[in-house]
Protein backbone atom coordinates (compact mmCIF):
# COMPACT_ATOMS: atom_id res chain seq x y z
CA UNK A 1 55.69 149.42 64.00
CA UNK A 2 55.02 146.87 61.34
CA UNK A 3 53.91 144.21 64.00
CA UNK A 4 50.90 146.31 65.54
CA UNK A 5 48.36 144.47 63.35
CA UNK A 6 50.03 141.06 64.29
CA UNK A 7 49.85 141.84 68.02
CA UNK A 8 46.37 143.12 68.08
CA UNK A 9 44.80 140.28 66.18
CA UNK A 10 46.76 137.41 67.91
CA UNK A 11 45.76 139.05 71.20
CA UNK A 12 42.09 139.50 70.65
CA UNK A 13 42.05 135.86 69.41
CA UNK A 14 43.64 134.58 72.62
CA UNK A 15 41.18 136.86 74.51
CA UNK A 16 38.06 135.38 72.87
CA UNK A 17 39.19 131.98 73.80
CA UNK A 18 41.00 132.65 77.26
CA UNK A 19 39.17 135.48 79.11
CA UNK A 20 38.52 135.11 82.75
CA UNK A 21 35.02 135.54 83.96
CA UNK A 22 34.69 138.21 86.54
CA UNK A 23 31.72 140.16 87.55
CA UNK A 24 32.81 143.47 86.36
CA UNK A 25 33.76 142.33 83.07
CA UNK A 26 31.53 143.58 80.16
CA UNK A 27 30.23 146.19 82.87
CA UNK A 28 29.26 149.50 81.43
CA UNK A 29 27.99 151.10 84.79
CA UNK A 30 31.02 153.38 85.81
CA UNK A 31 30.39 153.12 89.59
CA UNK A 32 31.01 149.31 89.47
CA UNK A 33 33.76 149.93 87.21
CA UNK A 34 35.49 152.34 89.37
CA UNK A 35 34.85 150.31 92.33
CA UNK A 36 36.46 147.56 91.11
CA UNK A 37 39.37 149.51 89.86
CA UNK A 38 40.18 150.98 93.13
CA UNK A 39 39.86 147.76 95.03
CA UNK A 40 42.30 146.11 92.61
CA UNK A 41 44.90 148.67 92.82
CA UNK A 42 47.85 146.98 94.31
CA UNK A 43 45.77 143.78 94.91
CA UNK A 44 45.50 140.65 93.14
CA UNK A 45 42.15 139.74 91.74
CA UNK A 46 41.88 136.65 93.60
CA UNK A 47 42.09 138.71 96.79
CA UNK A 48 39.79 141.62 95.65
CA UNK A 49 37.01 139.67 94.37
CA UNK A 50 35.22 138.99 97.61
CA UNK A 51 35.76 142.43 98.74
CA UNK A 52 34.18 143.87 95.42
CA UNK A 53 31.10 141.50 95.99
CA UNK A 54 30.76 142.52 99.51
CA UNK A 55 30.88 146.13 98.62
CA UNK A 56 28.25 145.93 95.94
CA UNK A 57 25.97 143.97 98.15
CA UNK A 58 26.30 146.44 100.84
CA UNK A 59 26.55 149.65 98.60
CA UNK A 60 24.56 148.89 95.20
CA UNK A 61 24.38 152.61 94.41
CA UNK A 62 27.10 155.49 94.61
CA UNK A 63 24.87 157.02 96.77
CA UNK A 64 24.51 154.16 99.20
CA UNK A 65 28.47 154.34 99.43
CA UNK A 66 28.62 158.19 100.02
CA UNK A 67 26.04 157.94 102.82
CA UNK A 68 28.08 155.22 104.69
CA UNK A 69 29.96 156.00 107.91
CA UNK A 70 33.59 156.08 107.37
CA UNK A 71 34.25 153.61 110.18
CA UNK A 72 31.76 151.29 108.75
CA UNK A 73 33.54 151.53 105.30
CA UNK A 74 37.07 150.89 106.76
CA UNK A 75 35.82 147.78 108.65
CA UNK A 76 34.48 146.53 105.21
CA UNK A 77 37.95 147.42 103.71
CA UNK A 78 39.75 145.63 106.50
CA UNK A 79 42.43 143.20 105.35
CA UNK A 80 42.96 144.94 101.84
CA UNK A 81 45.59 147.55 103.11
CA UNK A 82 46.48 150.73 101.47
CA UNK A 83 43.64 152.31 103.52
CA UNK A 84 44.01 155.68 101.57
CA UNK A 85 42.20 153.90 98.77
CA UNK A 86 39.22 153.49 100.97
CA UNK A 87 39.16 157.10 102.21
CA UNK A 88 39.71 158.38 98.54
CA UNK A 89 36.83 156.04 97.53
CA UNK A 90 34.71 157.53 100.06
CA UNK A 91 35.44 161.07 99.13
CA UNK A 92 34.91 160.72 95.52
CA UNK A 93 31.63 158.93 96.11
CA UNK A 94 30.40 161.83 98.38
CA UNK A 95 31.55 164.28 95.40
CA UNK A 96 29.85 162.23 92.72
CA UNK A 97 26.73 161.69 94.79
CA UNK A 98 26.16 165.00 96.41
CA UNK A 99 27.66 167.31 93.89
CA UNK A 100 27.17 165.74 90.52
CA UNK A 101 23.82 164.10 91.25
CA UNK A 102 25.17 160.57 91.01
CA UNK A 103 26.53 160.97 87.59
CA UNK A 104 30.08 159.80 86.81
CA UNK A 105 32.30 162.08 84.76
CA UNK A 106 32.53 160.87 81.05
CA UNK A 107 35.83 162.23 79.87
CA UNK A 108 39.43 160.95 80.64
CA UNK A 109 40.38 164.34 81.80
CA UNK A 110 37.47 164.50 84.34
CA UNK A 111 37.75 161.13 85.39
CA UNK A 112 41.47 161.79 86.02
CA UNK A 113 40.75 164.62 88.44
CA UNK A 114 38.74 162.43 90.71
CA UNK A 115 40.37 161.72 94.05
CA UNK A 116 42.19 158.52 94.17
CA UNK A 117 41.96 158.42 90.51
CA UNK A 118 45.22 158.11 88.49
CA UNK A 119 46.16 157.54 84.72
CA UNK A 120 45.62 153.88 84.91
CA UNK A 121 42.04 153.86 86.58
CA UNK A 122 40.89 156.97 84.33
CA UNK A 123 41.87 154.92 81.36
CA UNK A 124 40.05 151.83 82.46
CA UNK A 125 36.89 153.67 83.44
CA UNK A 126 36.95 155.52 80.03
CA UNK A 127 37.40 152.61 77.94
CA UNK A 128 35.38 150.25 79.69
CA UNK A 129 32.41 152.45 80.59
CA UNK A 130 32.60 154.88 77.49
CA UNK A 131 34.52 153.09 74.88
CA UNK A 132 37.06 155.94 74.87
CA UNK A 133 40.34 155.14 73.10
CA UNK A 134 42.77 155.25 76.11
CA UNK A 135 45.12 152.59 76.76
CA UNK A 136 45.82 151.05 80.58
CA UNK A 137 49.11 150.91 81.69
CA UNK A 138 49.62 148.44 84.74
CA UNK A 139 52.04 145.79 85.72
CA UNK A 140 50.71 143.37 83.48
CA UNK A 141 50.69 145.61 80.54
CA UNK A 142 54.45 146.95 81.33
CA UNK A 143 55.54 143.11 81.34
CA UNK A 144 53.59 142.26 78.10
CA UNK A 145 55.27 145.34 76.27
CA UNK A 146 58.67 144.98 77.73
CA UNK A 147 58.82 141.24 76.47
CA UNK A 148 57.24 141.55 73.16
CA UNK A 149 59.50 144.38 71.95
CA UNK A 150 62.46 143.64 74.15
CA UNK A 151 62.57 146.99 75.99
CA UNK A 152 65.27 147.15 78.99
CA UNK A 153 64.36 150.33 80.16
CA UNK A 154 63.69 149.54 83.82
CA UNK A 155 59.91 149.93 84.33
CA UNK A 156 60.30 151.77 87.84
CA UNK A 157 62.61 154.44 86.12
CA UNK A 158 61.26 157.76 85.84
CA UNK A 159 61.15 157.72 82.05
CA UNK A 160 59.58 154.42 81.74
CA UNK A 161 55.93 155.48 81.96
CA UNK A 162 56.09 157.69 79.05
CA UNK A 163 57.85 155.18 76.92
CA UNK A 164 55.62 152.39 77.60
CA UNK A 165 52.50 154.30 77.62
CA UNK A 166 53.00 155.70 74.14
CA UNK A 167 53.72 151.90 72.79
CA UNK A 168 50.33 150.96 74.46
CA UNK A 169 48.44 153.75 73.07
CA UNK A 170 49.70 152.66 69.62
CA UNK A 171 49.02 148.97 70.23
CA UNK A 172 45.33 150.02 71.28
CA UNK A 173 42.49 148.92 69.05
CA UNK A 174 40.44 152.05 68.73
CA UNK A 175 37.32 150.34 67.71
CA UNK A 176 37.37 147.86 70.63
CA UNK A 177 39.41 149.83 73.44
CA UNK A 178 37.76 148.26 76.62
CA UNK A 179 38.00 144.72 75.16
CA UNK A 180 41.70 145.37 74.04
CA UNK A 181 42.55 146.67 77.50
CA UNK A 182 41.01 143.79 79.10
CA UNK A 183 42.85 141.67 77.15
CA UNK A 184 46.10 142.83 77.69
CA UNK A 185 45.55 142.81 81.30
CA UNK A 186 44.17 139.08 81.28
CA UNK A 187 47.12 137.95 79.06
CA UNK A 188 49.77 139.47 81.36
CA UNK A 189 47.93 138.18 84.35
CA UNK A 190 47.40 134.48 83.24
CA UNK A 191 49.78 133.72 80.17
CA UNK A 192 52.52 136.22 80.04
CA UNK A 193 53.10 135.75 83.87
CA UNK A 194 56.03 137.14 85.79
CA UNK A 195 57.21 133.37 86.49
CA UNK A 196 57.18 130.75 84.23
CA UNK A 197 55.44 132.52 81.44
CA UNK A 198 53.52 130.27 78.54
CA UNK A 199 56.14 131.08 75.81
CA UNK A 200 55.91 127.44 74.29
CA UNK A 201 52.13 127.96 73.47
CA UNK A 202 52.08 131.78 73.10
CA UNK A 203 50.18 133.21 70.15
CA UNK A 204 52.83 136.09 70.22
CA UNK A 205 56.02 134.10 70.06
CA UNK A 206 56.88 134.57 66.54
CA UNK A 207 57.37 138.17 66.88
CA UNK A 208 58.04 138.43 70.55
CA UNK A 209 61.78 139.58 71.10
CA UNK A 210 62.04 138.09 74.70
CA UNK A 211 61.15 134.74 73.22
CA UNK A 212 63.62 134.98 70.39
CA UNK A 213 66.33 136.01 72.51
CA UNK A 214 65.86 134.16 75.62
CA UNK A 215 65.14 136.96 77.68
CA UNK A 216 61.79 136.32 79.00
CA UNK A 217 63.27 135.44 82.36
CA UNK A 218 64.91 138.82 82.79
CA UNK A 219 62.37 141.17 81.35
CA UNK A 220 60.88 143.55 82.51
CA UNK A 221 63.77 145.03 84.00
CA UNK A 222 63.28 146.67 87.43
CA UNK A 223 65.75 148.61 89.69
CA UNK A 224 66.27 147.56 93.27
CA UNK A 225 64.03 149.47 95.51
CA UNK A 226 65.53 151.55 98.21
CA UNK A 227 65.48 149.80 101.79
CA UNK A 228 62.07 150.09 103.60
CA UNK A 229 62.31 152.31 106.82
CA UNK A 230 61.72 149.92 109.86
CA UNK A 231 59.32 151.07 113.03
CA UNK A 232 58.81 149.30 116.01
CA UNK A 233 55.56 149.42 118.00
CA UNK A 234 54.73 148.13 121.52
CA UNK A 235 50.93 147.98 122.15
CA UNK A 236 49.44 148.01 125.60
CA UNK A 237 46.32 145.75 125.56
CA UNK A 238 44.31 146.75 128.41
CA UNK A 239 41.64 144.32 129.44
CA UNK A 240 38.73 144.66 132.07
CA UNK A 241 35.68 142.59 132.01
CA UNK A 242 34.97 142.12 128.33
CA UNK A 243 36.30 145.51 127.42
CA UNK A 244 39.63 146.93 125.96
CA UNK A 245 40.76 150.48 125.09
CA UNK A 246 41.23 151.84 121.71
CA UNK A 247 42.74 154.69 120.10
CA UNK A 248 42.06 156.32 116.81
CA UNK A 249 44.96 157.17 114.50
CA UNK A 250 44.13 160.53 113.15
CA UNK A 251 47.64 161.78 112.34
CA UNK A 252 48.79 162.02 108.72
CA UNK A 253 50.73 158.69 108.95
CA UNK A 254 50.27 154.86 108.28
CA UNK A 255 46.68 153.54 109.11
CA UNK A 256 45.03 156.83 109.17
CA UNK A 257 41.68 156.56 111.11
CA UNK A 258 41.99 153.09 111.87
CA UNK A 259 41.88 152.13 115.63
CA UNK A 260 44.63 150.63 117.69
CA UNK A 261 45.50 149.66 121.13
CA UNK A 262 47.58 152.28 123.10
CA UNK A 263 50.84 152.49 121.70
CA UNK A 264 54.53 153.19 122.54
CA UNK A 265 56.91 153.52 119.48
CA UNK A 266 60.37 152.93 119.87
CA UNK A 267 63.84 153.07 118.16
CA UNK A 268 64.10 149.04 118.51
CA UNK A 269 62.10 146.18 119.81
CA UNK A 270 63.39 144.87 122.90
CA UNK A 271 63.66 140.94 123.04
CA UNK A 272 63.60 140.71 126.76
CA UNK A 273 60.15 140.62 128.35
CA UNK A 274 61.26 142.77 131.42
CA UNK A 275 62.51 145.46 129.38
CA UNK A 276 59.18 145.63 127.46
CA UNK A 277 57.42 145.81 130.76
CA UNK A 278 59.75 148.68 132.09
CA UNK A 279 59.49 150.68 128.79
CA UNK A 280 55.56 150.24 129.02
CA UNK A 281 55.34 151.13 132.76
CA UNK A 282 57.78 154.28 132.29
CA UNK A 283 55.78 155.78 129.64
CA UNK A 284 52.02 154.72 130.64
CA UNK A 285 52.46 154.50 134.35
CA UNK A 286 55.28 156.45 135.61
CA UNK A 287 54.05 156.17 139.23
CA UNK A 288 53.77 152.41 138.93
CA UNK A 289 51.22 149.90 137.79
CA UNK A 290 48.02 150.79 139.33
CA UNK A 291 46.35 148.49 141.97
CA UNK A 292 44.59 145.74 140.60
CA UNK A 293 46.54 145.73 137.25
CA UNK A 294 48.27 142.27 136.36
CA UNK A 295 50.42 141.92 133.14
CA UNK A 296 49.37 138.62 131.59
CA UNK A 297 51.66 138.04 128.95
CA UNK A 298 53.68 139.33 126.00
CA UNK A 299 53.00 138.29 122.36
CA UNK A 300 55.38 137.21 119.92
CA UNK A 301 56.83 139.62 117.44
CA UNK A 302 54.48 140.32 114.54
CA UNK A 303 55.80 141.95 111.36
CA UNK A 304 54.09 143.85 108.46
CA UNK A 305 55.77 144.77 105.39
CA UNK A 306 54.23 148.09 103.80
CA UNK A 307 55.05 149.98 100.46
CA UNK A 308 57.83 152.37 102.13
CA UNK A 309 58.29 150.66 105.78
CA UNK A 310 58.18 147.43 107.68
CA UNK A 311 56.35 147.56 111.01
CA UNK A 312 57.29 145.48 113.77
CA UNK A 313 55.13 145.01 116.95
CA UNK A 314 54.80 143.20 120.22
CA UNK A 315 51.40 143.02 122.20
CA UNK A 316 51.51 143.21 126.03
CA UNK A 317 48.23 142.26 127.88
CA UNK A 318 47.26 144.00 131.14
CA UNK A 319 44.19 143.16 133.01
CA UNK A 320 42.32 144.85 135.72
CA UNK A 321 40.19 142.77 137.87
CA UNK A 322 37.68 145.52 138.47
CA UNK A 323 37.25 148.85 136.34
CA UNK A 324 40.39 150.65 135.98
CA UNK A 325 40.90 153.99 137.83
CA UNK A 326 39.49 157.27 136.34
CA UNK A 327 42.91 158.29 135.02
CA UNK A 328 43.37 155.50 132.65
CA UNK A 329 40.54 157.17 130.63
CA UNK A 330 41.04 160.94 131.39
CA UNK A 331 44.78 161.51 131.76
CA UNK A 332 47.78 161.35 129.23
CA UNK A 333 48.55 159.17 127.50
CA UNK A 334 44.88 157.64 127.47
CA UNK A 335 42.70 161.01 127.11
CA UNK A 336 41.93 160.12 123.53
CA UNK A 337 41.30 156.41 124.19
CA UNK A 338 37.93 154.81 124.09
CA UNK A 339 36.47 151.76 125.97
CA UNK A 340 34.82 149.21 123.58
CA UNK A 341 33.73 145.55 124.03
CA UNK A 342 35.70 142.82 122.41
CA UNK A 343 32.57 141.79 120.54
CA UNK A 344 32.26 145.58 119.21
CA UNK A 345 36.17 145.58 118.24
CA UNK A 346 35.61 142.40 116.21
CA UNK A 347 32.38 143.32 114.54
CA UNK A 348 32.79 147.12 113.79
CA UNK A 349 36.24 148.53 114.32
CA UNK A 350 38.61 148.56 111.68
CA UNK A 351 42.32 147.94 112.59
CA UNK A 352 45.56 147.74 110.94
CA UNK A 353 46.31 144.08 109.59
CA UNK A 354 49.29 143.50 112.22
CA UNK A 355 46.60 143.98 114.89
CA UNK A 356 44.09 141.70 113.29
CA UNK A 357 46.75 138.92 112.99
CA UNK A 358 47.62 139.30 116.58
CA UNK A 359 43.86 139.23 117.46
CA UNK A 360 43.32 136.20 115.19
CA UNK A 361 46.15 134.29 117.03
CA UNK A 362 45.90 135.52 120.42
CA UNK A 363 45.12 132.45 122.17
CA UNK A 364 48.02 130.69 120.57
CA UNK A 365 50.66 133.69 120.96
CA UNK A 366 50.35 134.74 124.52
CA UNK A 367 52.84 133.50 126.80
CA UNK A 368 52.91 133.74 130.65
CA UNK A 369 55.54 135.75 132.24
């Protein structure tokens, strides 16, 4: 490609004048680079930055992260979503701390073998920490390449990764791979943006196919994703004094190892409050509501969109004036539940985002029946 030199020179000149000041930029400690990259997977920089700062403050070295209890780590991760990233983060920290004496691998292949590390993250660590010539390929890089070269292959097509990775590797400056990779990501994130890219002032415009053909608004091409599966949850929030019941999700499913209220999953979400009460009573209390239990209210519906599914949930509050009968703690479907204080729940228990939204808005959303 005759325009590789043009691309490199113009991009690096732009980067020298426009790079974003972020705490992990210029960092050579592979632990901090790895941590930032895991946090930023499927997360905007603006959202991930405070999490990175909190993690570094709490776990300044990888051994600190490895020694942390999982519940503590998940609570610190709360709000970022994609909790498998946090579990993989913990597993990799333990492996490096305890089996590699705290020393990170320094080759692309060894980095790629770490749990939770894919091609992109391995290339980022390899280039930033060890100055190895591996090009990163994230959404920003896909967009820049698609527009500059006028590539109409859908970026989510099976063959796209190989095609775009080969071009990214050709573009890479082998003498400054870390800086070049950072420049590509910064350029895509702040200049060659998805909406309203800065084409009129773009340093690459004279050779950019999308600019010359007026296709910046349609590139990159992406095929329509399949419809997400819908799931419907009815949560039973049992209150007595200042306590509530929680259960840890341990199955191989969404939100694994997070805490939630006792749950009934249904095929649809009833809009009638009495229908919700009837379903909950039949599932949790087939003999009828225990003496002293009062249903205080039912929340509005909450809706959380995940990668492959959409979860809709309502929360039904049930209050005991005194301690619940023993069976509430010891028999199905409460046998795996634990009683925690509301203060403990807020401070130490990691919950799915949909539950966190409910807890934050609880005083506004409950309505008396």
